[in-house]
Amino acid sequence: MGILEYRQHKRDCQRKQGERASKIATLPQPYLLPLSPQERTILGKPIQELVHDVHKQITNPVDILRAYGKVALKAHEKTNCVTEILFPEAEEWAKQEVNLKGPLAGIPVSLKDSIQVKGFDISVGFSGNTGKPYTEDGSMVKLLKDAGAVPFVKTNLPTTLLSFESTNDVWGRCTNPHNSKYSPGGSTGGESALLAFGGSRIGIGSDVAGSVRVPAHFSGCYSLRCSTGRWPKIGMNTSMPGQEAIPSVFSPMARTLNDLTYFTRSLIGMKPWTYDYTVHPLAWRGDVETEYKEKKKFRVGVMRTDGVVDPAPACARALEKVAAALAAEGHDVFDVTPPSPYEALKIASQLLLSDGAATFMSFFRTGEWNDPGAAQMVFYMRLPRPIKYVYYLWVKYVRRDDIWAGLLRDWHAKSAHEYWQLAGRRETYKANFYTWWSEETKMDFMITPPNATPAVPHDAMHDAVSSCGYTFLFNLLDYTAGILPVTHVDAALDQLPTTFNFKSLNGVARGAYKHYDAIKMAGMPVGVQVVGRRLEEEKVLAVMERIEDALDKHGGRYELLEVD
């Protein structure tokens, strides 16, 4: 069975890659021509201007689609970011199915591979999911088409959806558009690579531990992790169906902040709760957006470290740049120390894999490649308990590493009784965090690093898999959090100090810092995370705009990659 299954796995991977290559090779001639001046004009317009042009019949949606299709092909050639090519079907949808009077009329939208589109597989990077095209659109795609948007590509991800890399056997390795030796992030890494390159303006991904936020940080684009119930989630596939202890949320990503805000406002304005029972009937609150666009003085908490892995110099510098710009604008900016983020990391990681990784491992065929980070989690999960306990004792009492030892000690599949106890600890932690925010800090919002380091080299998640606390914390809390790119790694400014002692780090921090090299990383994007509380999408987006305005006046905003 093993060898036969492996051969079928290889055949399915070759078939899907062959289908993709054949579709690209046989695209209509307009997609193969150089960009025209008119198409460059299209590429330079914010989406609300394009929508206006479509409404006024100044611009044909097919022309918009072909302009972005050309750049998407260039992005794919450089980064391997695209899984399914939908261009010919998208042209037909633009002519026959989409609502060209909607708020997203004619806008091409890229989708993470896990989103259901009629006529196409949802592989999620597993070969066993290929050759099973869906017969109808999922609720997200129906909603997009009714809003006037045109799905035009699906994008790469890791098989498990549990990595800050985006590689699998079916589609291959996705690379960072700034440096091909580095990851674009994960699990929505194909989206971030495509958006940063300029091959799309709007994309949709999912986030269970940072999967739309870390890619935006790694690749240099924008994203918003919505709270559960604000965004549709039916009509998707996943590596862990039924996992709801730390819910995965589908959320928007964009090339610019203006597009991110317009898109989010427009989609919520379409009443997504009428398409998907999981969405709260909560209309867009324009008054909240206006309040935070106009508020004179913010109280801004700065979380400089999660207490597990201090941010690398590049990430600390980006955070300080934002804090300084806000302070220069007269806002009250102060450092905060939240209730233990380490405790949140322990609770969240155990809840997320409370099944002992059995569910996502069940989708692998014989010989199918696994992400190195996910493989490490499975290795420790499957260690016999007596051996793991001895290792825990050695880490805690010989290496004197309480952080790593604490994560290892209970790293095993949970009984229902243990699961309920963890869920109870989660709710207690959330209540304590809410009280801390409300009564102690009284913040309007908080800024944090999105990750301990900028983008990691390929396969580095083998070492850095546990250093996800800066984003994972807000999945446990279910808080709204956005990412905006701020700067780039500077080879001179961002080197580790000569006093840096690698040996003194805990096991999690060693894994993160093992691959930090400011010289090799020079030019890579660095972002900042902007955090509100639950269901505060309007506030977070308004605040992100205020931050960019402050950066304009004090040090300059991030410079996007130019479209070739």
Protein backbone atom coordinates (compact mmCIF):
# COMPACT_ATOMS: atom_id res chain seq x y z
CA MET A 1 0.00 0.00 0.00
CA GLY A 2 2.83 2.42 0.93
CA ILE A 3 4.69 2.33 -2.39
CA LEU A 4 1.47 2.42 -4.40
CA GLU A 5 0.21 5.40 -2.38
CA TYR A 6 3.53 7.19 -2.82
CA ARG A 7 3.42 6.67 -6.58
CA GLN A 8 -0.14 8.02 -6.71
CA HIS A 9 0.98 11.01 -4.64
CA LYS A 10 3.76 11.78 -7.12
CA ARG A 11 1.41 11.37 -10.10
CA ASP A 12 -1.15 13.73 -8.57
CA CYS A 13 1.48 16.37 -7.84
CA GLN A 14 2.86 16.15 -11.37
CA ARG A 15 -0.65 16.33 -12.81
CA LYS A 16 -1.58 19.49 -10.88
CA GLN A 17 1.68 21.24 -11.73
CA GLY A 18 1.26 20.16 -15.34
CA GLU A 19 -2.28 21.55 -15.42
CA ARG A 20 -1.04 24.87 -14.08
CA ALA A 21 1.83 25.07 -16.57
CA SER A 22 -0.47 24.12 -19.45
CA LYS A 23 -3.04 26.71 -18.49
CA ILE A 24 -0.39 29.44 -18.34
CA ALA A 25 1.05 28.37 -21.69
CA THR A 26 -2.35 28.43 -23.40
CA LEU A 27 -3.69 31.71 -22.00
CA PRO A 28 -5.22 34.15 -24.48
CA GLN A 29 -2.67 36.33 -26.25
CA PRO A 30 -3.48 39.55 -24.31
CA TYR A 31 -2.03 38.00 -21.12
CA LEU A 32 1.30 37.39 -22.84
CA LEU A 33 1.87 40.93 -24.11
CA PRO A 34 3.83 43.63 -22.22
CA LEU A 35 1.90 46.03 -20.01
CA SER A 36 0.37 48.89 -21.98
CA PRO A 37 0.30 52.49 -20.71
CA GLN A 38 -3.44 52.08 -20.08
CA GLU A 39 -2.80 48.97 -17.99
CA ARG A 40 -0.14 50.76 -15.95
CA THR A 41 -2.70 53.47 -15.24
CA ILE A 42 -5.13 50.78 -14.05
CA LEU A 43 -2.48 49.26 -11.80
CA GLY A 44 -1.83 52.63 -10.18
CA LYS A 45 -5.43 53.29 -9.16
CA PRO A 46 -6.95 52.53 -5.73
CA ILE A 47 -9.81 50.09 -5.96
CA GLN A 48 -12.53 52.65 -5.25
CA GLU A 49 -11.39 54.63 -8.31
CA LEU A 50 -11.48 51.48 -10.43
CA VAL A 51 -14.97 50.71 -9.12
CA HIS A 52 -16.07 54.23 -10.06
CA ASP A 53 -14.64 53.76 -13.56
CA VAL A 54 -16.49 50.45 -13.97
CA HIS A 55 -19.74 51.97 -12.72
CA LYS A 56 -19.37 54.82 -15.21
CA GLN A 57 -18.36 52.33 -17.95
CA ILE A 58 -15.05 54.16 -18.37
CA THR A 59 -13.08 50.97 -17.78
CA ASN A 60 -13.97 47.42 -18.80
CA PRO A 61 -13.59 44.83 -15.98
CA VAL A 62 -11.82 42.49 -18.41
CA ASP A 63 -9.15 45.15 -18.97
CA ILE A 64 -8.59 45.37 -15.21
CA LEU A 65 -8.43 41.59 -14.99
CA ARG A 66 -5.88 41.34 -17.79
CA ALA A 67 -3.67 44.06 -16.29
CA TYR A 68 -3.49 42.28 -12.95
CA GLY A 69 -3.28 38.90 -14.64
CA LYS A 70 -0.10 39.94 -16.42
CA VAL A 71 1.57 41.06 -13.20
CA ALA A 72 0.31 37.98 -11.34
CA LEU A 73 2.09 35.82 -13.93
CA LYS A 74 5.32 37.77 -13.37
CA ALA A 75 4.90 37.41 -9.62
CA HIS A 76 4.33 33.68 -10.02
CA GLU A 77 7.39 33.32 -12.26
CA LYS A 78 9.51 34.94 -9.57
CA THR A 79 7.96 33.48 -6.39
CA ASN A 80 5.77 30.45 -7.30
CA CYS A 81 2.90 32.13 -5.47
CA VAL A 82 -0.06 30.93 -7.56
CA THR A 83 -1.75 27.54 -7.38
CA GLU A 84 -4.83 27.74 -9.65
CA ILE A 85 -5.08 30.10 -12.65
CA LEU A 86 -8.67 31.28 -13.10
CA PHE A 87 -8.23 33.94 -15.83
CA PRO A 88 -10.40 32.47 -18.63
CA GLU A 89 -13.18 31.56 -16.20
CA ALA A 90 -12.84 34.97 -14.53
CA GLU A 91 -13.41 36.72 -17.85
CA GLU A 92 -16.66 34.82 -18.25
CA TRP A 93 -17.70 35.59 -14.67
CA ALA A 94 -16.96 39.29 -15.27
CA LYS A 95 -19.28 39.22 -18.28
CA GLN A 96 -22.07 37.02 -16.95
CA GLU A 97 -22.06 36.46 -13.17
CA VAL A 98 -20.63 39.32 -11.15
CA ASN A 99 -22.69 42.33 -10.13
CA LEU A 100 -21.06 45.24 -11.94
CA LYS A 101 -23.15 47.68 -9.92
CA GLY A 102 -21.71 46.42 -6.62
CA PRO A 103 -19.18 48.15 -4.35
CA LEU A 104 -16.33 46.01 -5.70
CA ALA A 105 -17.35 46.10 -9.38
CA GLY A 106 -14.64 44.68 -11.61
CA ILE A 107 -11.99 44.27 -8.91
CA PRO A 108 -9.82 41.13 -9.28
CA VAL A 109 -9.47 39.33 -5.94
CA SER A 110 -6.89 36.65 -5.18
CA LEU A 111 -7.83 33.81 -2.84
CA LYS A 112 -5.89 31.49 -0.59
CA ASP A 113 -5.93 27.98 -2.03
CA SER A 114 -8.24 26.83 0.78
CA ILE A 115 -11.25 28.85 -0.51
CA GLN A 116 -14.00 27.09 -2.50
CA VAL A 117 -14.41 28.13 -6.15
CA LYS A 118 -16.64 26.17 -8.50
CA GLY A 119 -14.76 24.05 -11.00
CA PHE A 120 -11.57 23.92 -8.94
CA ASP A 121 -9.99 21.77 -6.24
CA ILE A 122 -9.23 22.88 -2.71
CA SER A 123 -5.96 21.02 -2.33
CA VAL A 124 -4.66 22.78 0.80
CA GLY A 125 -1.36 21.43 -0.50
CA PHE A 126 -2.34 17.76 0.06
CA SER A 127 -2.22 15.57 -3.04
CA GLY A 128 -5.13 13.50 -1.72
CA ASN A 129 -7.39 16.54 -2.12
CA THR A 130 -6.64 16.97 -5.83
CA GLY A 131 -8.86 15.88 -8.69
CA LYS A 132 -12.00 16.74 -6.72
CA PRO A 133 -13.29 20.03 -8.15
CA TYR A 134 -16.20 21.68 -6.36
CA THR A 135 -19.49 21.99 -8.20
CA GLU A 136 -20.44 25.38 -6.77
CA ASP A 137 -18.91 28.45 -5.18
CA GLY A 138 -18.54 28.71 -1.42
CA SER A 139 -20.27 31.51 0.47
CA MET A 140 -17.19 33.75 0.33
CA VAL A 141 -17.00 33.57 -3.46
CA LYS A 142 -20.77 34.04 -3.86
CA LEU A 143 -20.51 37.13 -1.68
CA LEU A 144 -17.55 38.48 -3.66
CA LYS A 145 -19.32 38.03 -6.99
CA ASP A 146 -22.47 39.70 -5.68
CA ALA A 147 -20.29 42.62 -4.59
CA GLY A 148 -18.85 42.80 -8.11
CA ALA A 149 -15.44 41.28 -7.40
CA VAL A 150 -13.80 38.79 -9.77
CA PRO A 151 -11.79 35.91 -8.25
CA PHE A 152 -8.83 35.39 -10.58
CA VAL A 153 -6.14 33.28 -8.89
CA LYS A 154 -5.67 30.97 -5.92
CA THR A 155 -2.45 31.14 -3.95
CA ASN A 156 0.11 28.96 -2.23
CA LEU A 157 0.25 27.76 1.38
CA PRO A 158 1.80 25.01 3.57
CA THR A 159 0.09 21.63 3.81
CA THR A 160 -0.66 21.85 7.53
CA LEU A 161 -1.56 25.58 7.53
CA LEU A 162 0.59 25.69 10.69
CA SER A 163 3.73 27.38 9.44
CA PHE A 164 5.18 30.78 8.64
CA GLU A 165 6.37 29.23 5.37
CA SER A 166 4.31 28.24 2.30
CA THR A 167 5.58 25.04 0.71
CA ASN A 168 4.02 21.72 -0.28
CA ASP A 169 4.56 18.87 -2.72
CA VAL A 170 1.53 19.69 -4.86
CA TRP A 171 2.53 23.24 -5.79
CA GLY A 172 6.15 23.60 -4.67
CA ARG A 173 7.90 26.26 -2.63
CA CYS A 174 6.72 29.86 -2.52
CA THR A 175 9.48 32.44 -2.07
CA ASN A 176 9.67 36.02 -0.84
CA PRO A 177 9.50 38.66 -3.61
CA HIS A 178 12.28 40.64 -1.91
CA ASN A 179 14.72 37.73 -1.60
CA SER A 180 14.16 34.24 -3.01
CA LYS A 181 16.15 32.63 -0.17
CA TYR A 182 13.50 33.67 2.35
CA SER A 183 9.92 32.71 3.14
CA PRO A 184 7.03 35.02 2.20
CA GLY A 185 5.33 33.91 5.41
CA GLY A 186 2.54 31.46 6.04
CA SER A 187 0.15 30.04 5.97
CA THR A 188 -1.13 32.73 3.59
CA GLY A 189 2.28 33.23 2.00
CA GLY A 190 1.25 33.00 -1.63
CA GLU A 191 -1.12 35.92 -1.06
CA SER A 192 1.50 38.10 0.59
CA ALA A 193 4.04 37.41 -2.17
CA LEU A 194 1.49 38.24 -4.87
CA LEU A 195 0.26 41.41 -3.15
CA ALA A 196 3.73 42.71 -2.32
CA PHE A 197 4.85 42.11 -5.90
CA GLY A 198 1.83 44.01 -7.23
CA GLY A 199 0.03 41.09 -8.91
CA SER A 200 -3.12 41.76 -6.91
CA ARG A 201 -4.54 44.60 -4.84
CA ILE A 202 -6.89 42.54 -2.67
CA GLY A 203 -6.57 39.02 -1.28
CA ILE A 204 -8.27 36.79 1.27
CA GLY A 205 -6.45 34.48 3.65
CA SER A 206 -7.00 32.75 6.98
CA ASP A 207 -5.38 33.17 10.38
CA VAL A 208 -5.20 30.74 13.31
CA ALA A 209 -1.87 31.82 14.83
CA GLY A 210 -0.77 34.74 12.65
CA SER A 211 -1.33 33.41 9.14
CA VAL A 212 -2.43 36.68 7.49
CA ARG A 213 -0.35 38.90 9.78
CA VAL A 214 3.09 37.29 9.63
CA PRO A 215 3.00 37.04 5.80
CA ALA A 216 2.19 40.76 5.60
CA HIS A 217 5.15 41.45 7.92
CA PHE A 218 7.50 39.11 6.02
CA SER A 219 6.58 40.29 2.51
CA GLY A 220 5.61 43.94 2.95
CA CYS A 221 1.84 44.35 2.54
CA TYR A 222 -1.18 44.99 4.75
CA SER A 223 -3.58 42.67 6.54
CA LEU A 224 -6.32 42.63 9.13
CA ARG A 225 -7.02 39.72 11.43
CA CYS A 226 -10.78 40.03 11.96
CA SER A 227 -12.51 38.75 15.07
CA THR A 228 -14.57 35.59 14.72
CA GLY A 229 -18.05 36.28 13.40
CA ARG A 230 -17.14 39.39 11.44
CA TRP A 231 -16.04 37.62 8.27
CA PRO A 232 -17.40 34.54 6.43
CA LYS A 233 -15.78 31.15 6.99
CA ILE A 234 -18.11 28.60 5.34
CA GLY A 235 -17.06 27.23 1.95
CA MET A 236 -13.43 26.68 2.87
CA ASN A 237 -11.22 23.67 3.49
CA THR A 238 -8.61 23.24 6.17
CA SER A 239 -6.05 20.82 7.57
CA MET A 240 -7.88 20.63 10.90
CA PRO A 241 -11.66 20.48 10.35
CA GLY A 242 -13.52 20.67 13.64
CA GLN A 243 -10.78 22.54 15.50
CA GLU A 244 -12.63 25.41 17.18
CA ALA A 245 -10.69 25.93 20.42
CA ILE A 246 -8.58 28.60 18.68
CA PRO A 247 -10.78 29.36 15.67
CA SER A 248 -9.29 30.08 12.29
CA VAL A 249 -10.68 33.28 10.81
CA PHE A 250 -10.73 34.27 7.15
CA SER A 251 -9.56 37.84 6.78
CA PRO A 252 -8.51 40.42 4.17
CA MET A 253 -5.05 41.32 2.91
CA ALA A 254 -4.14 44.18 0.57
CA ARG A 255 -1.33 45.95 -1.22
CA THR A 256 -2.29 49.31 0.34
CA LEU A 257 -4.05 50.40 3.51
CA ASN A 258 -6.59 52.41 1.55
CA ASP A 259 -7.60 49.29 -0.37
CA LEU A 260 -7.72 47.19 2.81
CA THR A 261 -10.13 49.63 4.45
CA TYR A 262 -12.34 50.09 1.39
CA PHE A 263 -12.53 46.35 0.79
CA THR A 264 -13.36 45.49 4.40
CA ARG A 265 -16.00 48.21 4.63
CA SER A 266 -17.53 47.13 1.31
CA LEU A 267 -17.70 43.43 2.11
CA ILE A 268 -19.28 43.98 5.53
CA GLY A 269 -21.67 46.39 3.83
CA MET A 270 -22.87 43.43 1.74
CA LYS A 271 -24.41 41.89 4.90
CA PRO A 272 -22.27 38.71 4.91
CA TRP A 273 -24.50 37.23 7.63
CA THR A 274 -27.09 36.65 4.91
CA TYR A 275 -24.57 34.34 3.16
CA ASP A 276 -22.98 32.59 6.14
CA TYR A 277 -24.62 31.60 9.43
CA THR A 278 -21.32 32.07 11.32
CA VAL A 279 -21.27 35.85 10.69
CA HIS A 280 -22.70 38.22 13.28
CA PRO A 281 -25.38 40.59 11.92
CA LEU A 282 -23.15 43.54 12.75
CA ALA A 283 -23.21 46.36 10.21
CA TRP A 284 -20.19 48.54 9.46
CA ARG A 285 -20.00 51.21 12.15
CA GLY A 286 -19.05 54.35 10.30
CA ASP A 287 -19.38 56.41 13.46
CA VAL A 288 -16.61 54.39 15.12
CA GLU A 289 -14.38 54.75 12.07
CA THR A 290 -14.96 58.52 12.06
CA GLU A 291 -14.38 58.80 15.80
CA TYR A 292 -10.90 57.30 15.59
CA LYS A 293 -9.99 59.17 12.43
CA GLU A 294 -10.75 62.43 14.26
CA LYS A 295 -9.84 61.75 17.90
CA LYS A 296 -7.32 64.32 19.10
CA LYS A 297 -5.30 62.25 21.54
CA PHE A 298 -4.86 58.48 21.79
CA ARG A 299 -3.66 56.39 24.69
CA VAL A 300 -1.26 53.95 23.02
CA GLY A 301 0.23 50.95 24.80
CA VAL A 302 3.53 49.62 23.47
CA MET A 303 4.21 45.95 24.12
CA ARG A 304 7.96 45.79 23.52
CA THR A 305 8.33 42.09 24.28
CA ASP A 306 6.17 39.05 24.89
CA GLY A 307 8.56 37.87 27.60
CA VAL A 308 9.46 34.77 25.59
CA VAL A 309 11.48 36.13 22.67
CA ASP A 310 12.60 39.75 22.67
CA PRO A 311 12.21 41.27 19.20
CA ALA A 312 15.29 41.38 17.00
CA PRO A 313 16.84 44.83 16.44
CA ALA A 314 15.02 45.37 13.11
CA CYS A 315 11.61 44.64 14.66
CA ALA A 316 12.36 46.70 17.76
CA ARG A 317 13.42 49.62 15.56
CA ALA A 318 10.20 49.48 13.51
CA LEU A 319 8.12 49.46 16.69
CA GLU A 320 10.04 52.42 18.12
CA LYS A 321 9.64 54.31 14.84
CA VAL A 322 5.86 54.04 15.13
CA ALA A 323 5.86 54.84 18.86
CA ALA A 324 8.03 57.91 18.28
CA ALA A 325 5.85 59.15 15.39
CA LEU A 326 2.73 58.86 17.52
CA ALA A 327 4.40 60.60 20.45
CA ALA A 328 5.52 63.40 18.14
CA GLU A 329 1.87 63.87 17.18
CA GLY A 330 1.03 64.48 20.84
CA HIS A 331 -0.48 61.10 21.71
CA ASP A 332 0.07 59.48 25.10
CA VAL A 333 2.45 56.62 24.31
CA PHE A 334 3.58 54.32 27.12
CA ASP A 335 5.07 50.85 27.58
CA VAL A 336 2.81 48.06 28.83
CA THR A 337 3.35 44.60 30.28
CA PRO A 338 0.22 42.50 29.68
CA PRO A 339 -0.84 39.46 31.67
CA SER A 340 1.72 36.78 30.81
CA PRO A 341 1.82 36.24 27.03
CA TYR A 342 3.82 33.11 27.83
CA GLU A 343 0.82 31.69 29.67
CA ALA A 344 -1.30 32.47 26.61
CA LEU A 345 1.22 30.70 24.35
CA LYS A 346 1.08 27.56 26.50
CA ILE A 347 -2.71 27.50 26.60
CA ALA A 348 -3.20 28.31 22.91
CA SER A 349 -0.63 25.85 21.59
CA GLN A 350 -2.05 22.97 23.64
CA LEU A 351 -5.63 23.78 22.65
CA LEU A 352 -4.77 24.11 18.96
CA LEU A 353 -3.21 20.63 18.86
CA SER A 354 -5.28 19.01 21.58
CA ASP A 355 -5.90 16.09 19.23
CA GLY A 356 -2.19 15.28 19.24
CA ALA A 357 -1.87 16.44 15.60
CA ALA A 358 -3.87 13.38 14.53
CA THR A 359 -6.26 15.33 12.29
CA PHE A 360 -3.81 17.12 10.02
CA MET A 361 -1.49 14.11 9.90
CA SER A 362 -4.37 11.97 8.65
CA PHE A 363 -4.31 13.81 5.30
CA PHE A 364 -0.70 12.91 4.48
CA ARG A 365 0.05 10.19 2.01
CA THR A 366 3.10 7.96 2.19
CA GLY A 367 6.20 10.02 1.45
CA GLU A 368 4.37 13.36 1.32
CA TRP A 369 6.53 16.27 2.46
CA ASN A 370 5.72 17.97 5.75
CA ASP A 371 6.69 21.48 6.82
CA PRO A 372 9.77 21.25 9.12
CA GLY A 373 8.05 23.26 11.84
CA ALA A 374 4.93 21.13 11.84
CA ALA A 375 7.11 18.03 11.75
CA GLN A 376 8.91 19.23 14.89
CA MET A 377 5.60 19.66 16.69
CA VAL A 378 4.57 16.15 15.70
CA PHE A 379 7.94 14.73 16.78
CA TYR A 380 7.62 16.11 20.31
CA MET A 381 3.93 15.23 20.43
CA ARG A 382 4.67 11.59 19.64
CA LEU A 383 7.64 11.12 21.94
CA PRO A 384 6.78 8.47 24.55
CA ARG A 385 5.65 10.24 27.70
CA PRO A 386 8.43 8.82 29.97
CA ILE A 387 11.13 9.94 27.51
CA LYS A 388 9.53 13.36 27.13
CA TYR A 389 9.38 13.77 30.90
CA VAL A 390 13.06 12.96 31.27
CA TYR A 391 13.84 15.49 28.55
CA TYR A 392 11.66 18.04 30.33
CA LEU A 393 13.58 17.50 33.57
CA TRP A 394 16.90 17.92 31.74
CA VAL A 395 15.75 21.15 30.06
CA LYS A 396 14.33 22.59 33.28
CA TYR A 397 16.94 21.58 35.85
CA VAL A 398 20.14 21.06 33.88
CA ARG A 399 19.77 23.71 31.18
CA ARG A 400 17.66 25.83 33.57
CA ASP A 401 15.31 26.82 30.76
CA ASP A 402 11.88 27.22 32.33
CA ILE A 403 10.34 28.68 29.15
CA TRP A 404 11.10 25.76 26.83
CA ALA A 405 10.52 23.21 29.58
CA GLY A 406 7.07 24.66 30.30
CA LEU A 407 6.02 24.28 26.67
CA LEU A 408 7.29 20.70 26.50
CA ARG A 409 5.86 19.34 29.72
CA ASP A 410 2.24 18.93 28.65
CA TRP A 411 2.82 18.62 24.90
CA HIS A 412 0.64 15.61 24.25
CA ALA A 413 -2.86 14.75 23.09
CA LYS A 414 -5.54 15.79 25.57
CA SER A 415 -8.41 13.87 27.05
CA ALA A 416 -11.82 15.55 27.12
CA HIS A 417 -11.25 16.33 30.81
CA GLU A 418 -7.87 17.96 30.08
CA TYR A 419 -9.35 19.87 27.14
CA TRP A 420 -12.12 21.32 29.28
CA GLN A 421 -9.60 22.41 31.89
CA LEU A 422 -7.55 24.19 29.21
CA ALA A 423 -10.66 25.88 27.85
CA GLY A 424 -11.41 27.09 31.35
CA ARG A 425 -7.88 28.50 31.67
CA ARG A 426 -8.35 30.22 28.30
CA GLU A 427 -11.50 31.97 29.48
CA THR A 428 -9.87 33.04 32.75
CA TYR A 429 -6.92 34.45 30.83
CA LYS A 430 -9.24 36.36 28.47
CA ALA A 431 -11.14 37.83 31.42
CA ASN A 432 -7.92 38.92 33.12
CA PHE A 433 -6.63 40.51 29.92
CA TYR A 434 -9.91 42.38 29.45
CA THR A 435 -9.75 43.74 32.99
CA TRP A 436 -6.10 44.74 32.58
CA TRP A 437 -6.91 46.67 29.39
CA SER A 438 -10.08 48.27 30.74
CA GLU A 439 -9.03 49.20 34.26
CA GLU A 440 -5.24 49.40 34.31
CA THR A 441 -4.04 50.72 30.97
CA LYS A 442 -7.27 52.22 29.56
CA MET A 443 -5.68 52.12 26.11
CA ASP A 444 -7.28 53.05 22.84
CA PHE A 445 -5.06 50.51 21.13
CA MET A 446 -1.77 48.68 21.45
CA ILE A 447 1.21 48.31 19.12
CA THR A 448 3.51 45.28 19.14
CA PRO A 449 6.05 43.53 16.91
CA PRO A 450 4.30 41.08 14.54
CA ASN A 451 7.06 38.53 15.07
CA ALA A 452 10.39 38.28 16.85
CA THR A 453 12.27 38.52 13.54
CA PRO A 454 11.74 39.53 9.93
CA ALA A 455 11.27 36.81 7.30
CA VAL A 456 12.95 33.48 7.98
CA PRO A 457 15.06 31.52 5.46
CA HIS A 458 13.45 28.46 3.91
CA ASP A 459 13.01 25.52 6.30
CA ALA A 460 13.91 27.70 9.30
CA MET A 461 10.56 26.94 10.93
CA HIS A 462 12.23 23.72 12.08
CA ASP A 463 13.89 25.96 14.67
CA ALA A 464 11.50 28.93 14.92
CA VAL A 465 8.18 27.07 15.12
CA SER A 466 7.49 28.04 18.74
CA SER A 467 8.24 31.76 18.41
CA CYS A 468 4.76 32.76 17.26
CA GLY A 469 3.58 34.40 20.47
CA TYR A 470 3.26 37.96 19.18
CA THR A 471 0.41 36.97 16.88
CA PHE A 472 -0.92 33.80 18.55
CA LEU A 473 -1.78 35.80 21.69
CA PHE A 474 -4.49 37.69 19.83
CA ASN A 475 -5.97 34.54 18.30
CA LEU A 476 -6.53 33.23 21.81
CA LEU A 477 -8.07 36.58 22.82
CA ASP A 478 -9.98 36.86 19.51
CA TYR A 479 -8.88 40.50 19.19
CA THR A 480 -8.80 42.47 15.96
CA ALA A 481 -5.22 43.09 14.82
CA GLY A 482 -3.76 44.71 11.73
CA ILE A 483 -0.33 44.76 10.14
CA LEU A 484 1.22 47.70 8.35
CA PRO A 485 4.72 47.59 6.86
CA VAL A 486 6.99 50.25 8.36
CA THR A 487 10.57 49.88 7.18
CA HIS A 488 13.22 47.51 5.78
CA VAL A 489 16.06 45.68 7.48
CA ASP A 490 19.18 47.84 7.54
CA ALA A 491 22.47 45.94 7.51
CA ALA A 492 24.18 48.53 9.72
CA LEU A 493 21.38 49.64 12.05
CA ASP A 494 19.90 46.22 12.76
CA GLN A 495 22.88 44.06 13.64
CA LEU A 496 22.89 42.27 16.96
CA PRO A 497 24.92 44.08 19.62
CA THR A 498 28.39 42.75 20.36
CA THR A 499 27.17 41.91 23.88
CA PHE A 500 24.44 39.61 22.55
CA ASN A 501 24.73 36.22 24.25
CA PHE A 502 23.07 33.50 22.18
CA LYS A 503 23.81 30.82 24.79
CA SER A 504 21.84 32.67 27.46
CA LEU A 505 18.58 32.51 25.45
CA ASN A 506 15.75 30.14 26.22
CA GLY A 507 15.01 27.36 23.73
CA VAL A 508 12.26 29.30 21.95
CA ALA A 509 14.41 32.40 21.54
CA ARG A 510 17.38 30.35 20.32
CA GLY A 511 15.23 28.93 17.55
CA ALA A 512 14.10 32.40 16.50
CA TYR A 513 17.53 34.03 16.63
CA LYS A 514 19.37 31.15 14.97
CA HIS A 515 18.56 32.60 11.56
CA TYR A 516 18.66 36.33 12.30
CA ASP A 517 21.37 38.02 10.22
CA ALA A 518 20.88 41.70 9.41
CA ILE A 519 23.39 41.58 6.56
CA LYS A 520 21.72 38.65 4.81
CA MET A 521 18.26 40.09 5.57
CA ALA A 522 19.07 43.61 4.40
CA GLY A 523 16.14 45.08 2.47
CA MET A 524 13.54 42.69 3.87
CA PRO A 525 10.27 44.29 5.07
CA VAL A 526 9.54 44.93 8.73
CA GLY A 527 6.04 45.67 10.00
CA VAL A 528 4.19 46.59 13.16
CA GLN A 529 1.04 45.02 14.63
CA VAL A 530 -1.82 47.32 15.67
CA VAL A 531 -4.21 45.72 18.16
CA GLY A 532 -7.73 46.59 19.19
CA ARG A 533 -10.15 44.45 21.12
CA ARG A 534 -12.79 42.04 19.88
CA LEU A 535 -14.86 43.16 16.88
CA GLU A 536 -13.03 46.48 16.58
CA GLU A 537 -12.24 46.30 12.87
CA GLU A 538 -13.42 49.88 12.23
CA LYS A 539 -11.23 51.26 14.99
CA VAL A 540 -8.11 49.32 14.03
CA LEU A 541 -8.29 50.34 10.38
CA ALA A 542 -8.85 54.01 11.31
CA VAL A 543 -5.92 53.90 13.72
CA MET A 544 -3.67 52.31 11.10
CA GLU A 545 -4.46 55.27 8.84
CA ARG A 546 -3.56 57.68 11.63
CA ILE A 547 -0.26 55.83 12.15
CA GLU A 548 0.63 56.11 8.46
CA ASP A 549 -0.20 59.82 8.56
CA ALA A 550 2.11 60.21 11.56
CA LEU A 551 4.88 58.30 9.77
CA ASP A 552 4.48 60.60 6.77
CA LYS A 553 5.32 63.54 9.01
CA HIS A 554 7.98 61.85 11.16
CA GLY A 555 10.36 59.57 9.31
CA GLY A 556 8.43 58.45 6.23
CA ARG A 557 6.07 55.58 5.45
CA TYR A 558 6.99 52.22 3.94
CA GLU A 559 7.91 52.13 0.24
CA LEU A 560 6.15 49.36 -1.68
CA LEU A 561 7.86 47.24 -4.30
CA GLU A 562 7.30 48.87 -7.67
CA VAL A 563 5.36 46.93 -10.29
CA ASP A 564 7.73 45.86 -13.07
